[in-house]
Amino acid sequence: MTRDERFRGAEHPRVFRAPSSVIGLIVAVALALVLLGDAALRAGVGEMLLIAPWLLLAVWAVYAVLFAPHVRIDGEGVRIHNPLRVTAIAWARVREIDLQWQLRVHTDEPRVYRAFGGPVAGRPGRPPLRRDAERDRREPPAIRDLVVIQDAWEAAREVAPADGAVHRFWDIPSVVSLLALILWVIIALFISGGVR
């Protein structure tokens, strides 16, 4: 596979997210729906609405910690989405990209931005029982993803505008939804008599 086949050009954005995060979010949502449905059938909709914010807080935590963190690359630069914080780094500002437990982007500030989502260096696997040429040539997915990101940086930095910036900002939808859930929890506590 060539470098161009892996990245498919700077105009096509690519997102790197752990496959287990998608599975975790699906399991959390399914479990919350089953529990909320059971509460509605057994206790009624009113009681279910008092229980719902607690379950939705757990689903929100799974979303914010497991699913939301990711790394996105495109022709402009790399975007690191961590829990509640997002950093967009223009390719012209990047000095080095490496992998030490997680993806690290070194900038000219100088500062290092770590990605909690995306390629993650896992522990080394066990050696295979049988040695064969096919298994010896395989590389870990994190290394393949790191090479794709580095190739995108190398391909884009020559044509990237020199006035690129590093933007750090809050993940507004996650913060607003967290505040709404906290407000719902407080209302549910007052209605149920948990707070006097």
C-alpha atoms as a PDB file:
ATOM      1  CA  MET A   1       0.000   0.000   0.000  1.00  0.00           C
ATOM      2  CA  THR A   2       1.453   3.341  -1.006  1.00  0.00           C
ATOM      3  CA  ARG A   3       1.430   6.514   1.029  1.00  0.00           C
ATOM      4  CA  ASP A   4      -1.235   8.074  -1.218  1.00  0.00           C
ATOM      5  CA  GLU A   5      -3.498   5.031  -0.891  1.00  0.00           C
ATOM      6  CA  ARG A   6      -3.293   5.196   2.903  1.00  0.00           C
ATOM      7  CA  PHE A   7      -4.141   8.893   3.175  1.00  0.00           C
ATOM      8  CA  ARG A   8      -6.131   9.310  -0.077  1.00  0.00           C
ATOM      9  CA  GLY A   9      -5.202  12.957  -0.420  1.00  0.00           C
ATOM     10  CA  ALA A  10      -5.338  15.921   1.900  1.00  0.00           C
ATOM     11  CA  GLU A  11      -8.873  16.858   0.861  1.00  0.00           C
ATOM     12  CA  HIS A  12     -10.382  13.762   2.516  1.00  0.00           C
ATOM     13  CA  PRO A  13     -10.576  14.029   6.300  1.00  0.00           C
ATOM     14  CA  ARG A  14      -9.820  10.929   8.299  1.00  0.00           C
ATOM     15  CA  VAL A  15     -10.862  10.174  11.881  1.00  0.00           C
ATOM     16  CA  PHE A  16      -8.938   7.859  14.206  1.00  0.00           C
ATOM     17  CA  ARG A  17     -10.987   6.442  17.072  1.00  0.00           C
ATOM     18  CA  ALA A  18     -10.631   3.242  19.065  1.00  0.00           C
ATOM     19  CA  PRO A  19     -13.092   0.574  17.845  1.00  0.00           C
ATOM     20  CA  SER A  20     -13.794  -0.371  21.461  1.00  0.00           C
ATOM     21  CA  SER A  21     -15.173   3.141  22.068  1.00  0.00           C
ATOM     22  CA  VAL A  22     -17.971   2.575  19.544  1.00  0.00           C
ATOM     23  CA  ILE A  23     -18.827  -0.767  21.127  1.00  0.00           C
ATOM     24  CA  GLY A  24     -18.741   0.774  24.623  1.00  0.00           C
ATOM     25  CA  LEU A  25     -21.124   3.560  23.625  1.00  0.00           C
ATOM     26  CA  ILE A  26     -23.550   1.137  21.954  1.00  0.00           C
ATOM     27  CA  VAL A  27     -23.573  -1.114  25.038  1.00  0.00           C
ATOM     28  CA  ALA A  28     -24.086   1.865  27.382  1.00  0.00           C
ATOM     29  CA  VAL A  29     -26.983   3.263  25.329  1.00  0.00           C
ATOM     30  CA  ALA A  30     -28.627  -0.161  24.995  1.00  0.00           C
ATOM     31  CA  LEU A  31     -28.310  -0.823  28.722  1.00  0.00           C
ATOM     32  CA  ALA A  32     -29.720   2.613  29.593  1.00  0.00           C
ATOM     33  CA  LEU A  33     -32.681   2.095  27.235  1.00  0.00           C
ATOM     34  CA  VAL A  34     -33.453  -1.306  28.764  1.00  0.00           C
ATOM     35  CA  LEU A  35     -33.259   0.066  32.305  1.00  0.00           C
ATOM     36  CA  LEU A  36     -35.353   3.139  31.489  1.00  0.00           C
ATOM     37  CA  GLY A  37     -37.940   0.997  29.678  1.00  0.00           C
ATOM     38  CA  ASP A  38     -38.106  -1.361  32.643  1.00  0.00           C
ATOM     39  CA  ALA A  39     -38.515   1.569  35.054  1.00  0.00           C
ATOM     40  CA  ALA A  40     -41.307   3.050  32.921  1.00  0.00           C
ATOM     41  CA  LEU A  41     -43.160  -0.283  32.787  1.00  0.00           C
ATOM     42  CA  ARG A  42     -42.798  -1.099  36.487  1.00  0.00           C
ATOM     43  CA  ALA A  43     -43.005   2.312  38.180  1.00  0.00           C
ATOM     44  CA  GLY A  44     -44.500   4.601  35.566  1.00  0.00           C
ATOM     45  CA  VAL A  45     -43.201   7.389  33.388  1.00  0.00           C
ATOM     46  CA  GLY A  46     -43.022   9.908  36.254  1.00  0.00           C
ATOM     47  CA  GLU A  47     -40.695   7.722  38.314  1.00  0.00           C
ATOM     48  CA  MET A  48     -38.688   6.863  35.217  1.00  0.00           C
ATOM     49  CA  LEU A  49     -38.079  10.585  34.629  1.00  0.00           C
ATOM     50  CA  LEU A  50     -36.674  10.839  38.159  1.00  0.00           C
ATOM     51  CA  ILE A  51     -34.281   7.944  37.515  1.00  0.00           C
ATOM     52  CA  ALA A  52     -33.358   8.962  33.953  1.00  0.00           C
ATOM     53  CA  PRO A  53     -30.790  11.702  34.698  1.00  0.00           C
ATOM     54  CA  TRP A  54     -28.629   9.313  36.705  1.00  0.00           C
ATOM     55  CA  LEU A  55     -28.536   6.772  33.887  1.00  0.00           C
ATOM     56  CA  LEU A  56     -28.007   9.487  31.295  1.00  0.00           C
ATOM     57  CA  LEU A  57     -25.079  10.839  33.323  1.00  0.00           C
ATOM     58  CA  ALA A  58     -23.481   7.401  33.101  1.00  0.00           C
ATOM     59  CA  VAL A  59     -24.095   7.303  29.331  1.00  0.00           C
ATOM     60  CA  TRP A  60     -22.693  10.830  29.036  1.00  0.00           C
ATOM     61  CA  ALA A  61     -19.551   9.733  30.925  1.00  0.00           C
ATOM     62  CA  VAL A  62     -19.070   6.801  28.540  1.00  0.00           C
ATOM     63  CA  TYR A  63     -19.534   9.161  25.595  1.00  0.00           C
ATOM     64  CA  ALA A  64     -17.202  11.885  26.916  1.00  0.00           C
ATOM     65  CA  VAL A  65     -14.438   9.556  28.104  1.00  0.00           C
ATOM     66  CA  LEU A  66     -14.562   6.731  25.543  1.00  0.00           C
ATOM     67  CA  PHE A  67     -16.302   7.821  22.337  1.00  0.00           C
ATOM     68  CA  ALA A  68     -15.730  11.571  21.925  1.00  0.00           C
ATOM     69  CA  PRO A  69     -11.907  11.498  22.120  1.00  0.00           C
ATOM     70  CA  HIS A  70     -10.483  11.074  18.633  1.00  0.00           C
ATOM     71  CA  VAL A  71      -7.918  12.448  16.210  1.00  0.00           C
ATOM     72  CA  ARG A  72      -8.989  13.975  12.889  1.00  0.00           C
ATOM     73  CA  ILE A  73      -6.649  14.890  10.058  1.00  0.00           C
ATOM     74  CA  ASP A  74      -7.379  16.820   6.879  1.00  0.00           C
ATOM     75  CA  GLY A  75      -5.666  19.247   4.526  1.00  0.00           C
ATOM     76  CA  GLU A  76      -5.697  22.031   7.147  1.00  0.00           C
ATOM     77  CA  GLY A  77      -4.108  20.186  10.047  1.00  0.00           C
ATOM     78  CA  VAL A  78      -4.742  17.811  12.899  1.00  0.00           C
ATOM     79  CA  ARG A  79      -7.615  18.119  15.367  1.00  0.00           C
ATOM     80  CA  ILE A  80      -7.217  16.462  18.762  1.00  0.00           C
ATOM     81  CA  HIS A  81     -10.534  15.947  20.533  1.00  0.00           C
ATOM     82  CA  ASN A  82     -10.000  15.052  24.187  1.00  0.00           C
ATOM     83  CA  PRO A  83     -12.679  14.866  26.897  1.00  0.00           C
ATOM     84  CA  LEU A  84     -14.262  18.350  27.016  1.00  0.00           C
ATOM     85  CA  ARG A  85     -11.329  20.031  25.195  1.00  0.00           C
ATOM     86  CA  VAL A  86     -10.507  20.298  21.492  1.00  0.00           C
ATOM     87  CA  THR A  87      -7.230  21.458  19.946  1.00  0.00           C
ATOM     88  CA  ALA A  88      -6.960  22.270  16.247  1.00  0.00           C
ATOM     89  CA  ILE A  89      -3.340  22.492  15.053  1.00  0.00           C
ATOM     90  CA  ALA A  90      -2.421  23.741  11.583  1.00  0.00           C
ATOM     91  CA  TRP A  91       0.145  21.578   9.780  1.00  0.00           C
ATOM     92  CA  ALA A  92       2.566  24.532   9.576  1.00  0.00           C
ATOM     93  CA  ARG A  93       2.787  24.643  13.381  1.00  0.00           C
ATOM     94  CA  VAL A  94       3.582  20.930  13.810  1.00  0.00           C
ATOM     95  CA  ARG A  95       7.231  20.052  14.473  1.00  0.00           C
ATOM     96  CA  GLU A  96       6.950  16.350  15.262  1.00  0.00           C
ATOM     97  CA  ILE A  97       4.331  13.629  15.642  1.00  0.00           C
ATOM     98  CA  ASP A  98       5.148  10.540  17.681  1.00  0.00           C
ATOM     99  CA  LEU A  99       3.574   7.828  19.778  1.00  0.00           C
ATOM    100  CA  GLN A 100       4.362   7.349  23.457  1.00  0.00           C
ATOM    101  CA  TRP A 101       1.427   5.466  24.985  1.00  0.00           C
ATOM    102  CA  GLN A 102      -0.771   7.891  23.008  1.00  0.00           C
ATOM    103  CA  LEU A 103      -0.347  10.143  20.021  1.00  0.00           C
ATOM    104  CA  ARG A 104       1.712  13.271  20.748  1.00  0.00           C
ATOM    105  CA  VAL A 105       1.886  16.349  18.532  1.00  0.00           C
ATOM    106  CA  HIS A 106       4.821  18.696  19.169  1.00  0.00           C
ATOM    107  CA  THR A 107       4.314  22.287  18.022  1.00  0.00           C
ATOM    108  CA  ASP A 108       6.587  25.279  17.566  1.00  0.00           C
ATOM    109  CA  GLU A 109       5.156  26.994  20.696  1.00  0.00           C
ATOM    110  CA  PRO A 110       6.937  24.690  22.024  1.00  0.00           C
ATOM    111  CA  ARG A 111       4.196  22.572  23.479  1.00  0.00           C
ATOM    112  CA  VAL A 112       3.164  18.924  23.319  1.00  0.00           C
ATOM    113  CA  TYR A 113      -0.490  17.995  22.789  1.00  0.00           C
ATOM    114  CA  ARG A 114      -1.509  14.485  23.773  1.00  0.00           C
ATOM    115  CA  ALA A 115      -4.484  12.733  22.230  1.00  0.00           C
ATOM    116  CA  PHE A 116      -6.562  10.547  24.544  1.00  0.00           C
ATOM    117  CA  GLY A 117      -8.347   9.105  21.517  1.00  0.00           C
ATOM    118  CA  GLY A 118      -6.854   7.837  18.289  1.00  0.00           C
ATOM    119  CA  PRO A 119      -3.792   5.625  17.936  1.00  0.00           C
ATOM    120  CA  VAL A 120      -2.694   4.161  21.263  1.00  0.00           C
ATOM    121  CA  ALA A 121       0.417   2.076  21.818  1.00  0.00           C
ATOM    122  CA  GLY A 122      -0.829  -1.059  23.519  1.00  0.00           C
ATOM    123  CA  ARG A 123       1.164  -3.626  25.341  1.00  0.00           C
ATOM    124  CA  PRO A 124       3.226  -5.958  23.179  1.00  0.00           C
ATOM    125  CA  GLY A 125       1.381  -9.062  22.053  1.00  0.00           C
ATOM    126  CA  ARG A 126       2.377 -12.600  22.848  1.00  0.00           C
ATOM    127  CA  PRO A 127       4.655 -14.298  20.366  1.00  0.00           C
ATOM    128  CA  PRO A 128       2.810 -16.621  17.961  1.00  0.00           C
ATOM    129  CA  LEU A 129       2.993 -20.372  18.484  1.00  0.00           C
ATOM    130  CA  ARG A 130       4.114 -20.854  14.887  1.00  0.00           C
ATOM    131  CA  ARG A 131       6.450 -18.539  13.069  1.00  0.00           C
ATOM    132  CA  ASP A 132       5.497 -17.624   9.547  1.00  0.00           C
ATOM    133  CA  ALA A 133       6.415 -14.821   7.197  1.00  0.00           C
ATOM    134  CA  GLU A 134       2.867 -13.390   7.155  1.00  0.00           C
ATOM    135  CA  ARG A 135       2.675 -12.852  10.923  1.00  0.00           C
ATOM    136  CA  ASP A 136       6.199 -11.456  11.202  1.00  0.00           C
ATOM    137  CA  ARG A 137       5.408  -8.700   8.688  1.00  0.00           C
ATOM    138  CA  ARG A 138       2.257  -7.476  10.403  1.00  0.00           C
ATOM    139  CA  GLU A 139       2.513  -4.201  12.274  1.00  0.00           C
ATOM    140  CA  PRO A 140       0.275  -2.994  15.104  1.00  0.00           C
ATOM    141  CA  PRO A 141      -2.683  -0.801  14.085  1.00  0.00           C
ATOM    142  CA  ALA A 142      -1.335   2.105  16.163  1.00  0.00           C
ATOM    143  CA  ILE A 143       1.899   2.137  14.153  1.00  0.00           C
ATOM    144  CA  ARG A 144      -0.038   2.031  10.859  1.00  0.00           C
ATOM    145  CA  ASP A 145      -2.222   4.940  12.002  1.00  0.00           C
ATOM    146  CA  LEU A 146       0.842   6.893  13.165  1.00  0.00           C
ATOM    147  CA  VAL A 147       2.446   6.430   9.748  1.00  0.00           C
ATOM    148  CA  VAL A 148      -0.749   7.635   8.022  1.00  0.00           C
ATOM    149  CA  ILE A 149      -0.839  10.764  10.218  1.00  0.00           C
ATOM    150  CA  GLN A 150       2.871  11.449   9.679  1.00  0.00           C
ATOM    151  CA  ASP A 151       2.469  10.968   5.920  1.00  0.00           C
ATOM    152  CA  ALA A 152      -0.453  13.415   5.882  1.00  0.00           C
ATOM    153  CA  TRP A 153       1.671  15.957   7.760  1.00  0.00           C
ATOM    154  CA  GLU A 154       4.612  15.533   5.374  1.00  0.00           C
ATOM    155  CA  ALA A 155       2.345  15.816   2.335  1.00  0.00           C
ATOM    156  CA  ALA A 156       0.527  18.901   3.616  1.00  0.00           C
ATOM    157  CA  ARG A 157       3.263  20.917   5.309  1.00  0.00           C
ATOM    158  CA  GLU A 158       4.840  22.043   2.028  1.00  0.00           C
ATOM    159  CA  VAL A 159       1.570  23.517   0.766  1.00  0.00           C
ATOM    160  CA  ALA A 160       0.105  24.506   4.144  1.00  0.00           C
ATOM    161  CA  PRO A 161      -0.225  28.251   4.767  1.00  0.00           C
ATOM    162  CA  ALA A 162       2.542  29.542   7.047  1.00  0.00           C
ATOM    163  CA  ASP A 163       0.097  31.626   9.076  1.00  0.00           C
ATOM    164  CA  GLY A 164      -1.669  28.581  10.522  1.00  0.00           C
ATOM    165  CA  ALA A 165      -2.669  28.700  14.162  1.00  0.00           C
ATOM    166  CA  VAL A 166      -3.249  26.492  17.164  1.00  0.00           C
ATOM    167  CA  HIS A 167      -6.788  26.837  18.517  1.00  0.00           C
ATOM    168  CA  ARG A 168      -7.815  25.424  21.876  1.00  0.00           C
ATOM    169  CA  PHE A 169     -11.477  25.459  22.827  1.00  0.00           C
ATOM    170  CA  TRP A 170     -14.102  23.697  24.915  1.00  0.00           C
ATOM    171  CA  ASP A 171     -16.300  20.966  23.464  1.00  0.00           C
ATOM    172  CA  ILE A 172     -19.461  23.081  23.800  1.00  0.00           C
ATOM    173  CA  PRO A 173     -22.075  20.346  23.058  1.00  0.00           C
ATOM    174  CA  SER A 174     -20.550  18.053  25.708  1.00  0.00           C
ATOM    175  CA  VAL A 175     -20.322  20.833  28.315  1.00  0.00           C
ATOM    176  CA  VAL A 176     -23.885  22.054  27.664  1.00  0.00           C
ATOM    177  CA  SER A 177     -25.302  18.526  27.816  1.00  0.00           C
ATOM    178  CA  LEU A 178     -23.422  17.894  31.078  1.00  0.00           C
ATOM    179  CA  LEU A 179     -24.840  21.075  32.616  1.00  0.00           C
ATOM    180  CA  ALA A 180     -28.347  20.130  31.455  1.00  0.00           C
ATOM    181  CA  LEU A 181     -28.010  16.673  33.019  1.00  0.00           C
ATOM    182  CA  ILE A 182     -26.736  18.148  36.287  1.00  0.00           C
ATOM    183  CA  LEU A 183     -29.712  20.520  36.351  1.00  0.00           C
ATOM    184  CA  TRP A 184     -32.035  17.559  35.683  1.00  0.00           C
ATOM    185  CA  VAL A 185     -30.418  15.643  38.576  1.00  0.00           C
ATOM    186  CA  ILE A 186     -30.969  18.593  40.927  1.00  0.00           C
ATOM    187  CA  ILE A 187     -34.620  18.915  39.854  1.00  0.00           C
ATOM    188  CA  ALA A 188     -35.129  15.154  40.295  1.00  0.00           C
ATOM    189  CA  LEU A 189     -33.627  15.345  43.805  1.00  0.00           C
ATOM    190  CA  PHE A 190     -35.976  18.172  44.801  1.00  0.00           C
ATOM    191  CA  ILE A 191     -39.030  16.386  43.368  1.00  0.00           C
ATOM    192  CA  SER A 192     -38.196  13.047  44.987  1.00  0.00           C
ATOM    193  CA  GLY A 193     -37.478  14.676  48.353  1.00  0.00           C
ATOM    194  CA  GLY A 194     -33.769  13.814  48.301  1.00  0.00           C
ATOM    195  CA  VAL A 195     -32.899  17.471  48.994  1.00  0.00           C
ATOM    196  CA  ARG A 196     -34.770  19.440  51.661  1.00  0.00           C
END
